[in-house]
């Protein structure tokens, strides 16, 4: 059975670090099929690795563990399939690029 990704909408709020030391670019909310929202998606500037250039990526909402896992972070909302992750990332990054261009950051 083939699964399709439901329609996604997103809003982005740009983040401006006063001293310029943060890799955080902004925050997003992703609305799934007009029925469910994921808040607190962070847009972060990634560092270059091996053959990948630096570029923005998404970090889904997470909370810190407890007890023996106190040093770990656990995502509390995230895509399950590669298709859903790609659709969510494309939707958020398009909205980020549009907001950044409107704010003169592109």
C-alpha atoms as a PDB file:
ATOM      1  CA  UNK A   1       0.000   0.000   0.000  1.00  0.00           C
ATOM      2  CA  UNK A   2       1.516   3.323  -1.094  1.00  0.00           C
ATOM      3  CA  UNK A   3       1.295   6.185   1.362  1.00  0.00           C
ATOM      4  CA  UNK A   4       1.058   9.795   0.306  1.00  0.00           C
ATOM      5  CA  UNK A   5       2.104  12.790   2.344  1.00  0.00           C
ATOM      6  CA  UNK A   6      -0.874  14.953   3.364  1.00  0.00           C
ATOM      7  CA  UNK A   7      -0.885  18.649   2.437  1.00  0.00           C
ATOM      8  CA  UNK A   8       1.510  20.743   4.526  1.00  0.00           C
ATOM      9  CA  UNK A   9       1.465  24.431   5.340  1.00  0.00           C
ATOM     10  CA  UNK A  10       4.056  26.304   7.326  1.00  0.00           C
ATOM     11  CA  UNK A  11       4.788  29.616   8.949  1.00  0.00           C
ATOM     12  CA  UNK A  12       8.305  30.780   9.760  1.00  0.00           C
ATOM     13  CA  UNK A  13       9.591  33.313  12.255  1.00  0.00           C
ATOM     14  CA  UNK A  14      13.162  34.409  11.618  1.00  0.00           C
ATOM     15  CA  UNK A  15      15.588  34.514  14.509  1.00  0.00           C
ATOM     16  CA  UNK A  16      18.237  37.207  14.754  1.00  0.00           C
ATOM     17  CA  UNK A  17      21.029  36.516  17.232  1.00  0.00           C
ATOM     18  CA  UNK A  18      22.185  39.857  18.664  1.00  0.00           C
ATOM     19  CA  UNK A  19      25.859  38.848  18.730  1.00  0.00           C
ATOM     20  CA  UNK A  20      25.765  36.649  15.605  1.00  0.00           C
ATOM     21  CA  UNK A  21      27.191  33.545  17.283  1.00  0.00           C
ATOM     22  CA  UNK A  22      24.143  31.279  16.945  1.00  0.00           C
ATOM     23  CA  UNK A  23      23.469  28.870  14.078  1.00  0.00           C
ATOM     24  CA  UNK A  24      19.720  29.218  14.726  1.00  0.00           C
ATOM     25  CA  UNK A  25      18.005  30.810  11.722  1.00  0.00           C
ATOM     26  CA  UNK A  26      14.365  30.642  12.776  1.00  0.00           C
ATOM     27  CA  UNK A  27      11.386  28.683  14.016  1.00  0.00           C
ATOM     28  CA  UNK A  28       8.581  27.056  12.060  1.00  0.00           C
ATOM     29  CA  UNK A  29       5.124  25.645  12.630  1.00  0.00           C
ATOM     30  CA  UNK A  30       4.007  22.873  10.299  1.00  0.00           C
ATOM     31  CA  UNK A  31       0.280  22.307   9.804  1.00  0.00           C
ATOM     32  CA  UNK A  32      -0.602  18.842   8.509  1.00  0.00           C
ATOM     33  CA  UNK A  33      -3.765  18.560   6.386  1.00  0.00           C
ATOM     34  CA  UNK A  34      -5.259  21.573   8.126  1.00  0.00           C
ATOM     35  CA  UNK A  35      -5.814  19.361  11.195  1.00  0.00           C
ATOM     36  CA  UNK A  36      -2.637  18.934  13.206  1.00  0.00           C
ATOM     37  CA  UNK A  37       0.223  21.320  14.034  1.00  0.00           C
ATOM     38  CA  UNK A  38       3.831  20.732  15.014  1.00  0.00           C
ATOM     39  CA  UNK A  39       5.271  23.786  16.760  1.00  0.00           C
ATOM     40  CA  UNK A  40       8.873  24.479  17.653  1.00  0.00           C
ATOM     41  CA  UNK A  41      10.570  23.181  14.514  1.00  0.00           C
ATOM     42  CA  UNK A  42      13.973  24.885  14.475  1.00  0.00           C
ATOM     43  CA  UNK A  43      15.775  25.945  11.306  1.00  0.00           C
ATOM     44  CA  UNK A  44      19.517  25.669  11.874  1.00  0.00           C
ATOM     45  CA  UNK A  45      22.513  26.445   9.657  1.00  0.00           C
ATOM     46  CA  UNK A  46      24.462  23.225   9.333  1.00  0.00           C
ATOM     47  CA  UNK A  47      28.213  23.098   9.050  1.00  0.00           C
ATOM     48  CA  UNK A  48      29.924  21.574   5.992  1.00  0.00           C
ATOM     49  CA  UNK A  49      30.636  17.838   6.261  1.00  0.00           C
ATOM     50  CA  UNK A  50      32.641  15.614   3.946  1.00  0.00           C
ATOM     51  CA  UNK A  51      31.093  16.268   0.526  1.00  0.00           C
ATOM     52  CA  UNK A  52      28.084  18.270   1.783  1.00  0.00           C
ATOM     53  CA  UNK A  53      28.212  22.068   1.825  1.00  0.00           C
ATOM     54  CA  UNK A  54      26.895  24.098   4.743  1.00  0.00           C
ATOM     55  CA  UNK A  55      23.175  24.731   4.562  1.00  0.00           C
ATOM     56  CA  UNK A  56      19.989  24.966   6.589  1.00  0.00           C
ATOM     57  CA  UNK A  57      18.357  21.894   8.100  1.00  0.00           C
ATOM     58  CA  UNK A  58      15.423  21.188  10.389  1.00  0.00           C
ATOM     59  CA  UNK A  59      15.480  20.099  13.999  1.00  0.00           C
ATOM     60  CA  UNK A  60      12.142  18.788  15.189  1.00  0.00           C
ATOM     61  CA  UNK A  61      10.877  19.488  18.732  1.00  0.00           C
ATOM     62  CA  UNK A  62      12.724  17.485  21.358  1.00  0.00           C
ATOM     63  CA  UNK A  63      12.913  17.192  25.108  1.00  0.00           C
ATOM     64  CA  UNK A  64      15.753  16.231  27.370  1.00  0.00           C
ATOM     65  CA  UNK A  65      15.752  12.748  28.869  1.00  0.00           C
ATOM     66  CA  UNK A  66      15.635  11.861  32.552  1.00  0.00           C
ATOM     67  CA  UNK A  67      17.657   9.578  34.818  1.00  0.00           C
ATOM     68  CA  UNK A  68      20.299   7.578  32.916  1.00  0.00           C
ATOM     69  CA  UNK A  69      19.295   9.346  29.677  1.00  0.00           C
ATOM     70  CA  UNK A  70      19.593  12.857  31.167  1.00  0.00           C
ATOM     71  CA  UNK A  71      22.260  13.881  28.639  1.00  0.00           C
ATOM     72  CA  UNK A  72      20.229  12.771  25.601  1.00  0.00           C
ATOM     73  CA  UNK A  73      17.555  14.615  23.628  1.00  0.00           C
ATOM     74  CA  UNK A  74      14.505  12.819  22.234  1.00  0.00           C
ATOM     75  CA  UNK A  75      12.376  14.107  19.360  1.00  0.00           C
ATOM     76  CA  UNK A  76       8.749  14.346  20.427  1.00  0.00           C
ATOM     77  CA  UNK A  77       7.337  14.954  16.943  1.00  0.00           C
ATOM     78  CA  UNK A  78       9.004  13.981  13.695  1.00  0.00           C
ATOM     79  CA  UNK A  79       8.332  12.499  10.252  1.00  0.00           C
ATOM     80  CA  UNK A  80       8.293   8.721  10.088  1.00  0.00           C
ATOM     81  CA  UNK A  81       8.948   8.187   6.381  1.00  0.00           C
ATOM     82  CA  UNK A  82      11.661   9.599   4.131  1.00  0.00           C
ATOM     83  CA  UNK A  83       8.929  11.047   1.901  1.00  0.00           C
ATOM     84  CA  UNK A  84       7.306  12.875   4.813  1.00  0.00           C
ATOM     85  CA  UNK A  85      10.690  14.196   6.023  1.00  0.00           C
ATOM     86  CA  UNK A  86      11.510  15.450   2.524  1.00  0.00           C
ATOM     87  CA  UNK A  87       8.081  17.082   2.084  1.00  0.00           C
ATOM     88  CA  UNK A  88       8.291  18.761   5.490  1.00  0.00           C
ATOM     89  CA  UNK A  89      11.834  19.967   4.915  1.00  0.00           C
ATOM     90  CA  UNK A  90      10.997  21.306   1.442  1.00  0.00           C
ATOM     91  CA  UNK A  91       7.898  23.123   2.732  1.00  0.00           C
ATOM     92  CA  UNK A  92       9.692  24.730   5.710  1.00  0.00           C
ATOM     93  CA  UNK A  93      12.850  25.672   3.808  1.00  0.00           C
ATOM     94  CA  UNK A  94      10.811  27.285   0.992  1.00  0.00           C
ATOM     95  CA  UNK A  95       8.943  29.348   3.595  1.00  0.00           C
ATOM     96  CA  UNK A  96      12.243  30.220   5.307  1.00  0.00           C
ATOM     97  CA  UNK A  97      13.832  31.362   2.026  1.00  0.00           C
ATOM     98  CA  UNK A  98      10.778  33.505   1.252  1.00  0.00           C
ATOM     99  CA  UNK A  99      10.828  35.095   4.739  1.00  0.00           C
ATOM    100  CA  UNK A 100      14.606  35.647   4.598  1.00  0.00           C
ATOM    101  CA  UNK A 101      14.334  37.279   1.157  1.00  0.00           C
ATOM    102  CA  UNK A 102      11.530  39.563   2.381  1.00  0.00           C
ATOM    103  CA  UNK A 103      13.695  40.550   5.370  1.00  0.00           C
ATOM    104  CA  UNK A 104      16.737  41.193   3.159  1.00  0.00           C
ATOM    105  CA  UNK A 105      18.738  38.243   4.486  1.00  0.00           C
ATOM    106  CA  UNK A 106      18.909  36.153   1.324  1.00  0.00           C
END
